[in-house]
């Protein structure tokens, strides 16, 4: 699990059939220059601080054989906590 900040939405022209509903967002991993595209079911917006699950935990959560390995699992209310 990582902490990240939402940069904004990722727009696509086509989706794979069976891909879960929800937004695709670009996030910037906190304290690094790394950027990821994540699936969002929570309704996050640009500037929100989020927790992102990666890898096999995502594969087990999403239905079927969804080709996704990053999922927003929480919105951080106060990003200053535990800095």
PDB file of N, CA and C in Angstrom:
ATOM      1  N   UNK A   1       0.853  -1.164   0.000  1.00  0.00           N
ATOM      2  CA  UNK A   1       0.000   0.000   0.000  1.00  0.00           C
ATOM      3  C   UNK A   1       0.900   1.229   0.000  1.00  0.00           C
ATOM      4  N   UNK A   2       0.489   2.241  -0.768  1.00  0.00           N
ATOM      5  CA  UNK A   2       1.264   3.480  -0.840  1.00  0.00           C
ATOM      6  C   UNK A   2       0.344   4.678  -0.639  1.00  0.00           C
ATOM      7  N   UNK A   3       0.957   5.810  -0.289  1.00  0.00           N
ATOM      8  CA  UNK A   3       0.235   7.082  -0.234  1.00  0.00           C
ATOM      9  C   UNK A   3       0.537   7.845  -1.497  1.00  0.00           C
ATOM     10  N   UNK A   4      -0.489   8.513  -2.043  1.00  0.00           N
ATOM     11  CA  UNK A   4      -0.323   9.241  -3.295  1.00  0.00           C
ATOM     12  C   UNK A   4      -1.271  10.429  -3.323  1.00  0.00           C
ATOM     13  N   UNK A   5      -1.055  11.308  -4.295  1.00  0.00           N
ATOM     14  CA  UNK A   5      -1.913  12.465  -4.505  1.00  0.00           C
ATOM     15  C   UNK A   5      -2.491  12.374  -5.912  1.00  0.00           C
ATOM     16  N   UNK A   6      -3.792  12.594  -6.036  1.00  0.00           N
ATOM     17  CA  UNK A   6      -4.455  12.506  -7.336  1.00  0.00           C
ATOM     18  C   UNK A   6      -4.047  13.696  -8.198  1.00  0.00           C
ATOM     19  N   UNK A   7      -3.556  13.394  -9.408  1.00  0.00           N
ATOM     20  CA  UNK A   7      -3.185  14.426 -10.375  1.00  0.00           C
ATOM     21  C   UNK A   7      -4.412  14.815 -11.190  1.00  0.00           C
ATOM     22  N   UNK A   8      -5.166  13.817 -11.639  1.00  0.00           N
ATOM     23  CA  UNK A   8      -6.370  14.083 -12.420  1.00  0.00           C
ATOM     24  C   UNK A   8      -6.859  12.825 -13.097  1.00  0.00           C
ATOM     25  N   UNK A   9      -7.936  12.961 -13.885  1.00  0.00           N
ATOM     26  CA  UNK A   9      -8.513  11.789 -14.550  1.00  0.00           C
ATOM     27  C   UNK A   9      -7.684  11.355 -15.752  1.00  0.00           C
ATOM     28  N   UNK A  10      -7.812  10.082 -16.105  1.00  0.00           N
ATOM     29  CA  UNK A  10      -7.250   9.542 -17.338  1.00  0.00           C
ATOM     30  C   UNK A  10      -8.428   9.233 -18.239  1.00  0.00           C
ATOM     31  N   UNK A  11      -8.429   9.801 -19.426  1.00  0.00           N
ATOM     32  CA  UNK A  11      -9.541   9.600 -20.355  1.00  0.00           C
ATOM     33  C   UNK A  11      -9.165   8.530 -21.359  1.00  0.00           C
ATOM     34  N   UNK A  12     -10.072   7.592 -21.581  1.00  0.00           N
ATOM     35  CA  UNK A  12      -9.847   6.522 -22.551  1.00  0.00           C
ATOM     36  C   UNK A  12     -10.985   6.510 -23.555  1.00  0.00           C
ATOM     37  N   UNK A  13     -10.694   6.037 -24.758  1.00  0.00           N
ATOM     38  CA  UNK A  13     -11.738   5.989 -25.778  1.00  0.00           C
ATOM     39  C   UNK A  13     -12.446   4.642 -25.806  1.00  0.00           C
ATOM     40  N   UNK A  14     -11.775   3.588 -25.310  1.00  0.00           N
ATOM     41  CA  UNK A  14     -12.381   2.263 -25.265  1.00  0.00           C
ATOM     42  C   UNK A  14     -11.958   1.572 -23.982  1.00  0.00           C
ATOM     43  N   UNK A  15     -12.829   0.715 -23.478  1.00  0.00           N
ATOM     44  CA  UNK A  15     -12.522  -0.094 -22.298  1.00  0.00           C
ATOM     45  C   UNK A  15     -12.634  -1.562 -22.658  1.00  0.00           C
ATOM     46  N   UNK A  16     -11.867  -2.370 -21.980  1.00  0.00           N
ATOM     47  CA  UNK A  16     -11.962  -3.814 -22.151  1.00  0.00           C
ATOM     48  C   UNK A  16     -13.297  -4.267 -21.558  1.00  0.00           C
ATOM     49  N   UNK A  17     -14.009  -5.097 -22.290  1.00  0.00           N
ATOM     50  CA  UNK A  17     -15.285  -5.604 -21.789  1.00  0.00           C
ATOM     51  C   UNK A  17     -15.050  -6.346 -20.474  1.00  0.00           C
ATOM     52  N   UNK A  18     -15.867  -6.057 -19.495  1.00  0.00           N
ATOM     53  CA  UNK A  18     -15.729  -6.688 -18.195  1.00  0.00           C
ATOM     54  C   UNK A  18     -14.860  -5.905 -17.221  1.00  0.00           C
ATOM     55  N   UNK A  19     -14.188  -4.846 -17.710  1.00  0.00           N
ATOM     56  CA  UNK A  19     -13.385  -4.014 -16.801  1.00  0.00           C
ATOM     57  C   UNK A  19     -14.334  -3.328 -15.826  1.00  0.00           C
ATOM     58  N   UNK A  20     -13.987  -3.281 -14.548  1.00  0.00           N
ATOM     59  CA  UNK A  20     -14.924  -2.719 -13.564  1.00  0.00           C
ATOM     60  C   UNK A  20     -15.226  -1.253 -13.820  1.00  0.00           C
ATOM     61  N   UNK A  21     -16.444  -0.865 -13.444  1.00  0.00           N
ATOM     62  CA  UNK A  21     -16.812   0.542 -13.567  1.00  0.00           C
ATOM     63  C   UNK A  21     -16.023   1.347 -12.557  1.00  0.00           C
ATOM     64  N   UNK A  22     -15.913   2.623 -12.810  1.00  0.00           N
ATOM     65  CA  UNK A  22     -15.157   3.505 -11.938  1.00  0.00           C
ATOM     66  C   UNK A  22     -14.188   4.311 -12.773  1.00  0.00           C
ATOM     67  N   UNK A  23     -13.690   5.349 -12.187  1.00  0.00           N
ATOM     68  CA  UNK A  23     -12.775   6.238 -12.891  1.00  0.00           C
ATOM     69  C   UNK A  23     -11.369   5.664 -12.936  1.00  0.00           C
ATOM     70  N   UNK A  24     -10.636   6.073 -13.948  1.00  0.00           N
ATOM     71  CA  UNK A  24      -9.200   5.836 -13.992  1.00  0.00           C
ATOM     72  C   UNK A  24      -8.536   7.171 -13.665  1.00  0.00           C
ATOM     73  N   UNK A  25      -7.648   7.153 -12.697  1.00  0.00           N
ATOM     74  CA  UNK A  25      -6.990   8.378 -12.252  1.00  0.00           C
ATOM     75  C   UNK A  25      -5.481   8.253 -12.348  1.00  0.00           C
ATOM     76  N   UNK A  26      -4.831   9.366 -12.631  1.00  0.00           N
ATOM     77  CA  UNK A  26      -3.379   9.427 -12.531  1.00  0.00           C
ATOM     78  C   UNK A  26      -3.044   9.940 -11.142  1.00  0.00           C
ATOM     79  N   UNK A  27      -2.159   9.233 -10.451  1.00  0.00           N
ATOM     80  CA  UNK A  27      -1.733   9.663  -9.124  1.00  0.00           C
ATOM     81  C   UNK A  27      -0.216   9.782  -9.093  1.00  0.00           C
ATOM     82  N   UNK A  28       0.251  10.641  -8.223  1.00  0.00           N
ATOM     83  CA  UNK A  28       1.683  10.824  -8.007  1.00  0.00           C
ATOM     84  C   UNK A  28       2.017  10.270  -6.634  1.00  0.00           C
ATOM     85  N   UNK A  29       2.913   9.297  -6.592  1.00  0.00           N
ATOM     86  CA  UNK A  29       3.306   8.690  -5.329  1.00  0.00           C
ATOM     87  C   UNK A  29       4.004   9.733  -4.460  1.00  0.00           C
ATOM     88  N   UNK A  30       3.577   9.832  -3.201  1.00  0.00           N
ATOM     89  CA  UNK A  30       4.146  10.837  -2.300  1.00  0.00           C
ATOM     90  C   UNK A  30       5.643  10.616  -2.128  1.00  0.00           C
ATOM     91  N   UNK A  31       6.370  11.716  -2.084  1.00  0.00           N
ATOM     92  CA  UNK A  31       7.829  11.754  -1.865  1.00  0.00           C
ATOM     93  C   UNK A  31       8.649  11.116  -2.981  1.00  0.00           C
ATOM     94  N   UNK A  32       8.039  10.912  -4.151  1.00  0.00           N
ATOM     95  CA  UNK A  32       8.773  10.401  -5.313  1.00  0.00           C
ATOM     96  C   UNK A  32       8.236  11.085  -6.563  1.00  0.00           C
ATOM     97  N   UNK A  33       8.856  10.799  -7.697  1.00  0.00           N
ATOM     98  CA  UNK A  33       8.370  11.303  -8.987  1.00  0.00           C
ATOM     99  C   UNK A  33       7.543  10.258  -9.721  1.00  0.00           C
ATOM    100  N   UNK A  34       7.298   9.108  -9.079  1.00  0.00           N
ATOM    101  CA  UNK A  34       6.580   8.012  -9.714  1.00  0.00           C
ATOM    102  C   UNK A  34       5.103   8.350  -9.903  1.00  0.00           C
ATOM    103  N   UNK A  35       4.587   8.023 -11.078  1.00  0.00           N
ATOM    104  CA  UNK A  35       3.166   8.219 -11.369  1.00  0.00           C
ATOM    105  C   UNK A  35       2.547   6.884 -11.746  1.00  0.00           C
ATOM    106  N   UNK A  36       1.289   6.704 -11.356  1.00  0.00           N
ATOM    107  CA  UNK A  36       0.554   5.470 -11.616  1.00  0.00           C
ATOM    108  C   UNK A  36      -0.839   5.801 -12.133  1.00  0.00           C
ATOM    109  N   UNK A  37      -1.419   4.860 -12.859  1.00  0.00           N
ATOM    110  CA  UNK A  37      -2.839   4.942 -13.213  1.00  0.00           C
ATOM    111  C   UNK A  37      -3.553   3.941 -12.324  1.00  0.00           C
ATOM    112  N   UNK A  38      -4.587   4.406 -11.623  1.00  0.00           N
ATOM    113  CA  UNK A  38      -5.292   3.573 -10.646  1.00  0.00           C
ATOM    114  C   UNK A  38      -6.783   3.543 -10.955  1.00  0.00           C
ATOM    115  N   UNK A  39      -7.439   2.477 -10.516  1.00  0.00           N
ATOM    116  CA  UNK A  39      -8.898   2.375 -10.592  1.00  0.00           C
ATOM    117  C   UNK A  39      -9.465   3.010  -9.331  1.00  0.00           C
ATOM    118  N   UNK A  40     -10.506   3.841  -9.497  1.00  0.00           N
ATOM    119  CA  UNK A  40     -11.103   4.549  -8.358  1.00  0.00           C
ATOM    120  C   UNK A  40     -12.602   4.300  -8.302  1.00  0.00           C
ATOM    121  N   UNK A  41     -13.051   3.723  -7.193  1.00  0.00           N
ATOM    122  CA  UNK A  41     -14.491   3.516  -6.967  1.00  0.00           C
ATOM    123  C   UNK A  41     -15.033   4.512  -5.940  1.00  0.00           C
ATOM    124  N   UNK A  42     -14.166   5.366  -5.384  1.00  0.00           N
ATOM    125  CA  UNK A  42     -14.568   6.230  -4.273  1.00  0.00           C
ATOM    126  C   UNK A  42     -14.955   7.645  -4.682  1.00  0.00           C
ATOM    127  N   UNK A  43     -14.672   8.043  -5.900  1.00  0.00           N
ATOM    128  CA  UNK A  43     -15.029   9.384  -6.350  1.00  0.00           C
ATOM    129  C   UNK A  43     -13.998  10.433  -5.986  1.00  0.00           C
ATOM    130  N   UNK A  44     -12.735  10.102  -6.060  1.00  0.00           N
ATOM    131  CA  UNK A  44     -11.656  11.036  -5.725  1.00  0.00           C
ATOM    132  C   UNK A  44     -11.523  12.113  -6.789  1.00  0.00           C
ATOM    133  N   UNK A  45     -10.949  13.241  -6.397  1.00  0.00           N
ATOM    134  CA  UNK A  45     -10.715  14.331  -7.325  1.00  0.00           C
ATOM    135  C   UNK A  45      -9.285  14.815  -7.247  1.00  0.00           C
ATOM    136  N   UNK A  46      -8.916  15.664  -8.184  1.00  0.00           N
ATOM    137  CA  UNK A  46      -7.557  16.209  -8.239  1.00  0.00           C
ATOM    138  C   UNK A  46      -7.195  16.856  -6.902  1.00  0.00           C
ATOM    139  N   UNK A  47      -6.004  16.532  -6.427  1.00  0.00           N
ATOM    140  CA  UNK A  47      -5.521  17.085  -5.167  1.00  0.00           C
ATOM    141  C   UNK A  47      -5.818  16.240  -3.947  1.00  0.00           C
ATOM    142  N   UNK A  48      -6.717  15.258  -4.073  1.00  0.00           N
ATOM    143  CA  UNK A  48      -7.014  14.382  -2.933  1.00  0.00           C
ATOM    144  C   UNK A  48      -5.808  13.513  -2.604  1.00  0.00           C
ATOM    145  N   UNK A  49      -5.580  13.299  -1.332  1.00  0.00           N
ATOM    146  CA  UNK A  49      -4.546  12.387  -0.861  1.00  0.00           C
ATOM    147  C   UNK A  49      -5.205  11.035  -0.653  1.00  0.00           C
ATOM    148  N   UNK A  50      -4.615   9.989  -1.236  1.00  0.00           N
ATOM    149  CA  UNK A  50      -5.257   8.675  -1.233  1.00  0.00           C
ATOM    150  C   UNK A  50      -4.298   7.573  -0.808  1.00  0.00           C
ATOM    151  N   UNK A  51      -4.883   6.442  -0.422  1.00  0.00           N
ATOM    152  CA  UNK A  51      -4.133   5.213  -0.188  1.00  0.00           C
ATOM    153  C   UNK A  51      -4.407   4.303  -1.372  1.00  0.00           C
ATOM    154  N   UNK A  52      -3.341   3.700  -1.905  1.00  0.00           N
ATOM    155  CA  UNK A  52      -3.451   2.871  -3.096  1.00  0.00           C
ATOM    156  C   UNK A  52      -2.914   1.474  -2.786  1.00  0.00           C
ATOM    157  N   UNK A  53      -3.723   0.459  -3.088  1.00  0.00           N
ATOM    158  CA  UNK A  53      -3.274  -0.930  -2.975  1.00  0.00           C
ATOM    159  C   UNK A  53      -2.697  -1.341  -4.321  1.00  0.00           C
ATOM    160  N   UNK A  54      -1.658  -2.171  -4.269  1.00  0.00           N
ATOM    161  CA  UNK A  54      -0.981  -2.613  -5.484  1.00  0.00           C
ATOM    162  C   UNK A  54      -0.912  -4.128  -5.561  1.00  0.00           C
ATOM    163  N   UNK A  55      -0.795  -4.639  -6.774  1.00  0.00           N
ATOM    164  CA  UNK A  55      -0.477  -6.045  -6.987  1.00  0.00           C
ATOM    165  C   UNK A  55      -1.586  -7.030  -6.724  1.00  0.00           C
ATOM    166  N   UNK A  56      -1.218  -8.159  -6.103  1.00  0.00           N
ATOM    167  CA  UNK A  56      -2.134  -9.283  -5.949  1.00  0.00           C
ATOM    168  C   UNK A  56      -3.359  -8.947  -5.099  1.00  0.00           C
ATOM    169  N   UNK A  57      -3.240  -8.012  -4.174  1.00  0.00           N
ATOM    170  CA  UNK A  57      -4.406  -7.608  -3.371  1.00  0.00           C
ATOM    171  C   UNK A  57      -5.492  -7.027  -4.275  1.00  0.00           C
ATOM    172  N   UNK A  58      -5.103  -6.305  -5.286  1.00  0.00           N
ATOM    173  CA  UNK A  58      -6.059  -5.719  -6.230  1.00  0.00           C
ATOM    174  C   UNK A  58      -6.690  -6.817  -7.081  1.00  0.00           C
ATOM    175  N   UNK A  59      -5.863  -7.741  -7.548  1.00  0.00           N
ATOM    176  CA  UNK A  59      -6.375  -8.840  -8.375  1.00  0.00           C
ATOM    177  C   UNK A  59      -7.416  -9.650  -7.627  1.00  0.00           C
ATOM    178  N   UNK A  60      -7.231  -9.849  -6.324  1.00  0.00           N
ATOM    179  CA  UNK A  60      -8.209 -10.610  -5.543  1.00  0.00           C
ATOM    180  C   UNK A  60      -9.491  -9.807  -5.311  1.00  0.00           C
ATOM    181  N   UNK A  61      -9.389  -8.483  -5.228  1.00  0.00           N
ATOM    182  CA  UNK A  61     -10.556  -7.647  -4.957  1.00  0.00           C
ATOM    183  C   UNK A  61     -11.435  -7.475  -6.195  1.00  0.00           C
ATOM    184  N   UNK A  62     -10.819  -7.251  -7.344  1.00  0.00           N
ATOM    185  CA  UNK A  62     -11.575  -6.986  -8.566  1.00  0.00           C
ATOM    186  C   UNK A  62     -12.073  -8.296  -9.168  1.00  0.00           C
ATOM    187  N   UNK A  63     -13.251  -8.268  -9.802  1.00  0.00           N
ATOM    188  CA  UNK A  63     -13.847  -9.498 -10.321  1.00  0.00           C
ATOM    189  C   UNK A  63     -13.101 -10.061 -11.529  1.00  0.00           C
ATOM    190  N   UNK A  64     -13.161 -11.366 -11.674  1.00  0.00           N
ATOM    191  CA  UNK A  64     -12.607 -12.030 -12.857  1.00  0.00           C
ATOM    192  C   UNK A  64     -11.111 -11.846 -12.992  1.00  0.00           C
ATOM    193  N   UNK A  65     -10.682 -11.708 -14.216  1.00  0.00           N
ATOM    194  CA  UNK A  65      -9.249 -11.517 -14.482  1.00  0.00           C
ATOM    195  C   UNK A  65      -9.004 -10.097 -14.974  1.00  0.00           C
ATOM    196  N   UNK A  66      -9.477  -9.140 -14.229  1.00  0.00           N
ATOM    197  CA  UNK A  66      -9.334  -7.731 -14.581  1.00  0.00           C
ATOM    198  C   UNK A  66      -7.861  -7.352 -14.668  1.00  0.00           C
ATOM    199  N   UNK A  67      -7.445  -6.734 -15.781  1.00  0.00           N
ATOM    200  CA  UNK A  67      -6.040  -6.360 -15.941  1.00  0.00           C
ATOM    201  C   UNK A  67      -5.706  -5.047 -15.237  1.00  0.00           C
ATOM    202  N   UNK A  68      -5.810  -5.041 -13.931  1.00  0.00           N
ATOM    203  CA  UNK A  68      -5.503  -3.844 -13.144  1.00  0.00           C
ATOM    204  C   UNK A  68      -4.695  -4.267 -11.929  1.00  0.00           C
ATOM    205  N   UNK A  69      -3.731  -3.442 -11.553  1.00  0.00           N
ATOM    206  CA  UNK A  69      -2.939  -3.785 -10.372  1.00  0.00           C
ATOM    207  C   UNK A  69      -2.736  -2.607  -9.436  1.00  0.00           C
ATOM    208  N   UNK A  70      -3.609  -1.577  -9.550  1.00  0.00           N
ATOM    209  CA  UNK A  70      -3.562  -0.439  -8.633  1.00  0.00           C
ATOM    210  C   UNK A  70      -4.987   0.043  -8.386  1.00  0.00           C
ATOM    211  N   UNK A  71      -5.368   0.171  -7.110  1.00  0.00           N
ATOM    212  CA  UNK A  71      -6.744   0.496  -6.739  1.00  0.00           C
ATOM    213  C   UNK A  71      -6.742   1.453  -5.555  1.00  0.00           C
ATOM    214  N   UNK A  72      -7.530   2.545  -5.663  1.00  0.00           N
ATOM    215  CA  UNK A  72      -7.689   3.462  -4.533  1.00  0.00           C
ATOM    216  C   UNK A  72      -8.529   2.755  -3.478  1.00  0.00           C
ATOM    217  N   UNK A  73      -8.009   2.673  -2.250  1.00  0.00           N
ATOM    218  CA  UNK A  73      -8.750   1.997  -1.182  1.00  0.00           C
ATOM    219  C   UNK A  73      -9.144   2.944  -0.062  1.00  0.00           C
ATOM    220  N   UNK A  74      -8.706   4.204  -0.132  1.00  0.00           N
ATOM    221  CA  UNK A  74      -9.089   5.155   0.900  1.00  0.00           C
ATOM    222  C   UNK A  74      -8.667   6.567   0.556  1.00  0.00           C
ATOM    223  N   UNK A  75      -9.414   7.532   1.084  1.00  0.00           N
ATOM    224  CA  UNK A  75      -9.066   8.947   0.959  1.00  0.00           C
ATOM    225  C   UNK A  75      -8.545   9.401   2.317  1.00  0.00           C
ATOM    226  N   UNK A  76      -7.383  10.042   2.315  1.00  0.00           N
ATOM    227  CA  UNK A  76      -6.758  10.491   3.560  1.00  0.00           C
ATOM    228  C   UNK A  76      -7.324  11.853   3.925  1.00  0.00           C
ATOM    229  N   UNK A  77      -7.948  11.949   5.111  1.00  0.00           N
ATOM    230  CA  UNK A  77      -8.551  13.205   5.558  1.00  0.00           C
ATOM    231  C   UNK A  77      -7.495  14.248   5.911  1.00  0.00           C
ATOM    232  N   UNK A  78      -6.445  13.837   6.604  1.00  0.00           N
ATOM    233  CA  UNK A  78      -5.397  14.764   7.026  1.00  0.00           C
ATOM    234  C   UNK A  78      -4.045  14.196   6.638  1.00  0.00           C
ATOM    235  N   UNK A  79      -3.467  14.662   5.514  1.00  0.00           N
ATOM    236  CA  UNK A  79      -2.215  14.084   5.036  1.00  0.00           C
ATOM    237  C   UNK A  79      -1.024  14.353   5.951  1.00  0.00           C
ATOM    238  N   UNK A  80      -1.146  15.205   6.944  1.00  0.00           N
ATOM    239  CA  UNK A  80      -0.032  15.502   7.859  1.00  0.00           C
ATOM    240  C   UNK A  80       0.161  14.428   8.906  1.00  0.00           C
ATOM    241  N   UNK A  81      -0.814  13.543   9.083  1.00  0.00           N
ATOM    242  CA  UNK A  81      -0.714  12.499  10.100  1.00  0.00           C
ATOM    243  C   UNK A  81       0.374  11.503   9.702  1.00  0.00           C
ATOM    244  N   UNK A  82       1.214  11.140  10.657  1.00  0.00           N
ATOM    245  CA  UNK A  82       2.293  10.159  10.459  1.00  0.00           C
ATOM    246  C   UNK A  82       3.322  10.561   9.434  1.00  0.00           C
ATOM    247  N   UNK A  83       3.623  11.844   9.323  1.00  0.00           N
ATOM    248  CA  UNK A  83       4.684  12.267   8.401  1.00  0.00           C
ATOM    249  C   UNK A  83       6.019  12.113   9.038  1.00  0.00           C
TER     250      UNK A  83
END
